[in-house]
Amino acid sequence: PQGSGGTGYFGGSGAKVGLKDRIALDLALAPIDDPQIDVIISTMGGNDNQASLDNGTFASAVSTTIAACKYRWPNAVILFSEPLTSDTGQLTADKSTIIQAQATAAGVKFVGGIRAALAAYYAVPGNSVSDLFHGDGHPNDAGHAWFADQLNTRIRAALA
């Protein structure tokens, strides 16, 4: 398995750049017909802000990222997920809606339901954000395990 970390489609954090900037570099390269790269999964968007939604740059970056993945890895199954974040509010819901629309329009699979599952987790008396996340909003070990379990279930369903 290979991975490429990032902070958001559009927004970076500090010295880090957003995924769209790294994808742009990939577009200069030829498509890869590598049977070892058979699945592409994106869970980006957690650090993108409201301004990028309001001015359309978020939707454009998601669309460009999907197009780049389809170009660069033409034989891979491509899945785009709603953002994996501790937030279950309206901003995350709006980002999820945009990602789903862009994925659907491009003919790639969308993995949803994680935000709703997280809200359901929070609704259980005694459960809290700190069960799954550090104070900085990044998942702790339990959070990583929780997200992995959620993704495993939902990706299998999307591929069925």
Protein backbone atom coordinates (compact mmCIF):
# COMPACT_ATOMS: atom_id res chain seq x y z
CA PRO A 1 0.00 0.00 0.00
CA GLN A 2 1.11 3.51 -0.77
CA GLY A 3 -0.17 6.74 0.65
CA SER A 4 0.12 10.47 0.25
CA GLY A 5 -0.80 12.54 3.24
CA GLY A 6 -2.21 16.01 3.01
CA THR A 7 -4.22 18.60 4.80
CA GLY A 8 -7.02 19.45 2.41
CA TYR A 9 -7.99 19.66 -1.25
CA PHE A 10 -7.49 23.39 -1.36
CA GLY A 11 -6.09 24.52 1.95
CA GLY A 12 -2.71 23.68 3.33
CA SER A 13 -1.57 24.14 6.89
CA GLY A 14 1.58 26.16 7.47
CA ALA A 15 4.29 24.99 5.09
CA LYS A 16 2.17 22.09 3.80
CA VAL A 17 0.36 22.40 0.49
CA GLY A 18 -3.07 21.12 -0.40
CA LEU A 19 -3.56 17.95 -2.38
CA LYS A 20 -4.49 19.84 -5.55
CA ASP A 21 -0.96 21.26 -5.68
CA ARG A 22 0.62 17.81 -5.51
CA ILE A 23 -1.87 16.40 -8.02
CA ALA A 24 -0.95 19.17 -10.47
CA LEU A 25 2.59 17.83 -10.46
CA ASP A 26 1.28 14.34 -11.26
CA LEU A 27 -0.58 15.63 -14.31
CA ALA A 28 2.77 16.43 -15.90
CA LEU A 29 3.61 12.72 -15.74
CA ALA A 30 2.31 9.88 -17.87
CA PRO A 31 -0.54 7.62 -16.74
CA ILE A 32 0.59 4.64 -14.70
CA ASP A 33 -0.54 1.19 -15.75
CA ASP A 34 0.67 -0.50 -12.59
CA PRO A 35 -1.36 -3.46 -11.35
CA GLN A 36 -0.10 -2.81 -7.81
CA ILE A 37 -2.00 0.49 -7.80
CA ASP A 38 -5.50 -0.87 -8.09
CA VAL A 39 -7.44 1.30 -5.61
CA ILE A 40 -7.26 5.04 -4.92
CA ILE A 41 -9.05 6.27 -1.78
CA SER A 42 -9.32 9.96 -0.91
CA THR A 43 -10.53 11.06 2.52
CA MET A 44 -9.47 14.68 2.13
CA GLY A 45 -11.20 17.94 2.97
CA GLY A 46 -10.92 18.19 6.73
CA ASN A 47 -8.85 21.36 6.71
CA ASP A 48 -10.59 23.18 3.90
CA ASN A 49 -12.44 26.28 5.06
CA GLN A 50 -15.78 27.94 4.39
CA ALA A 51 -14.23 30.55 2.09
CA SER A 52 -13.07 27.81 -0.31
CA LEU A 53 -16.66 26.52 -0.44
CA ASP A 54 -18.15 29.96 -0.94
CA ASN A 55 -15.91 30.92 -3.85
CA GLY A 56 -16.01 27.55 -5.60
CA THR A 57 -12.34 26.68 -5.19
CA PHE A 58 -13.17 23.62 -3.07
CA ALA A 59 -15.47 22.10 -5.70
CA SER A 60 -12.94 22.88 -8.41
CA ALA A 61 -10.10 21.31 -6.43
CA VAL A 62 -12.15 18.16 -5.77
CA SER A 63 -13.05 17.92 -9.47
CA THR A 64 -9.44 18.45 -10.53
CA THR A 65 -8.23 15.85 -8.04
CA ILE A 66 -10.72 13.26 -9.31
CA ALA A 67 -9.78 13.99 -12.93
CA ALA A 68 -6.10 13.72 -12.11
CA CYS A 69 -6.61 10.37 -10.35
CA LYS A 70 -8.58 9.02 -13.30
CA TYR A 71 -5.88 10.20 -15.71
CA ARG A 72 -2.89 9.10 -13.67
CA TRP A 73 -4.25 5.70 -12.59
CA PRO A 74 -6.68 4.75 -15.38
CA ASN A 75 -7.13 1.13 -14.26
CA ALA A 76 -7.63 1.80 -10.55
CA VAL A 77 -10.93 1.75 -8.70
CA ILE A 78 -11.33 5.29 -7.34
CA LEU A 79 -13.26 6.11 -4.17
CA PHE A 80 -13.77 9.54 -2.64
CA SER A 81 -14.97 9.81 0.95
CA GLU A 82 -16.48 12.58 2.95
CA PRO A 83 -13.80 14.28 5.10
CA LEU A 84 -12.52 12.34 8.10
CA THR A 85 -12.74 14.96 10.82
CA SER A 86 -14.01 15.37 14.37
CA ASP A 87 -16.55 17.92 13.12
CA THR A 88 -20.07 16.74 12.33
CA GLY A 89 -21.48 20.23 11.69
CA GLN A 90 -22.73 22.10 8.66
CA LEU A 91 -19.31 22.89 7.15
CA THR A 92 -18.41 19.19 7.03
CA ALA A 93 -21.89 18.37 5.69
CA ASP A 94 -21.45 20.96 2.93
CA LYS A 95 -18.02 19.60 2.01
CA SER A 96 -19.44 16.07 1.92
CA THR A 97 -22.24 17.18 -0.41
CA ILE A 98 -19.74 18.80 -2.78
CA ILE A 99 -17.44 15.77 -2.76
CA GLN A 100 -20.37 13.45 -3.43
CA ALA A 101 -21.62 15.62 -6.31
CA GLN A 102 -18.17 15.81 -7.90
CA ALA A 103 -17.58 12.06 -7.48
CA THR A 104 -20.97 11.21 -8.95
CA ALA A 105 -20.48 13.58 -11.89
CA ALA A 106 -17.08 12.00 -12.62
CA GLY A 107 -18.35 8.44 -12.32
CA VAL A 108 -16.29 7.47 -9.28
CA LYS A 109 -17.57 5.90 -6.09
CA PHE A 110 -18.48 8.02 -3.06
CA VAL A 111 -18.05 6.69 0.47
CA GLY A 112 -20.49 8.36 2.85
CA GLY A 113 -22.16 7.81 6.18
CA ILE A 114 -19.09 8.34 8.33
CA ARG A 115 -20.14 11.80 9.55
CA ALA A 116 -23.56 10.43 10.53
CA ALA A 117 -21.94 7.49 12.34
CA LEU A 118 -19.70 9.91 14.22
CA ALA A 119 -22.70 12.04 15.22
CA ALA A 120 -24.40 8.86 16.46
CA TYR A 121 -21.28 7.99 18.45
CA TYR A 122 -21.28 11.45 20.07
CA ALA A 123 -24.99 11.09 20.91
CA VAL A 124 -24.37 8.08 23.17
CA PRO A 125 -24.27 9.26 26.81
CA GLY A 126 -20.71 9.15 28.10
CA ASN A 127 -19.08 9.33 24.65
CA SER A 128 -17.15 12.46 23.72
CA VAL A 129 -14.86 13.94 21.10
CA SER A 130 -11.86 13.25 23.33
CA ASP A 131 -12.54 9.51 23.11
CA LEU A 132 -11.41 9.58 19.48
CA PHE A 133 -9.47 12.82 19.00
CA HIS A 134 -6.55 14.72 20.50
CA GLY A 135 -7.22 18.31 21.50
CA ASP A 136 -5.86 19.50 18.15
CA GLY A 137 -8.61 17.68 16.24
CA HIS A 138 -6.43 14.85 14.96
CA PRO A 139 -7.49 11.27 15.68
CA ASN A 140 -5.84 9.47 18.58
CA ASP A 141 -5.18 5.70 18.38
CA ALA A 142 -8.81 4.91 19.17
CA GLY A 143 -9.94 7.44 16.55
CA HIS A 144 -7.71 5.93 13.89
CA ALA A 145 -9.12 2.49 14.69
CA TRP A 146 -12.69 3.85 14.63
CA PHE A 147 -12.19 5.54 11.23
CA ALA A 148 -10.49 2.42 9.83
CA ASP A 149 -13.44 0.30 10.90
CA GLN A 150 -15.91 2.77 9.40
CA LEU A 151 -13.99 2.97 6.13
CA ASN A 152 -13.61 -0.79 5.92
CA THR A 153 -17.36 -1.32 6.22
CA ARG A 154 -18.32 1.47 3.83
CA ILE A 155 -15.68 0.76 1.18
CA ARG A 156 -16.71 -2.90 1.06
CA ALA A 157 -20.31 -1.81 0.60
CA ALA A 158 -19.36 0.65 -2.15
CA LEU A 159 -17.43 -2.04 -4.00
CA ALA A 160 -20.13 -4.71 -3.66
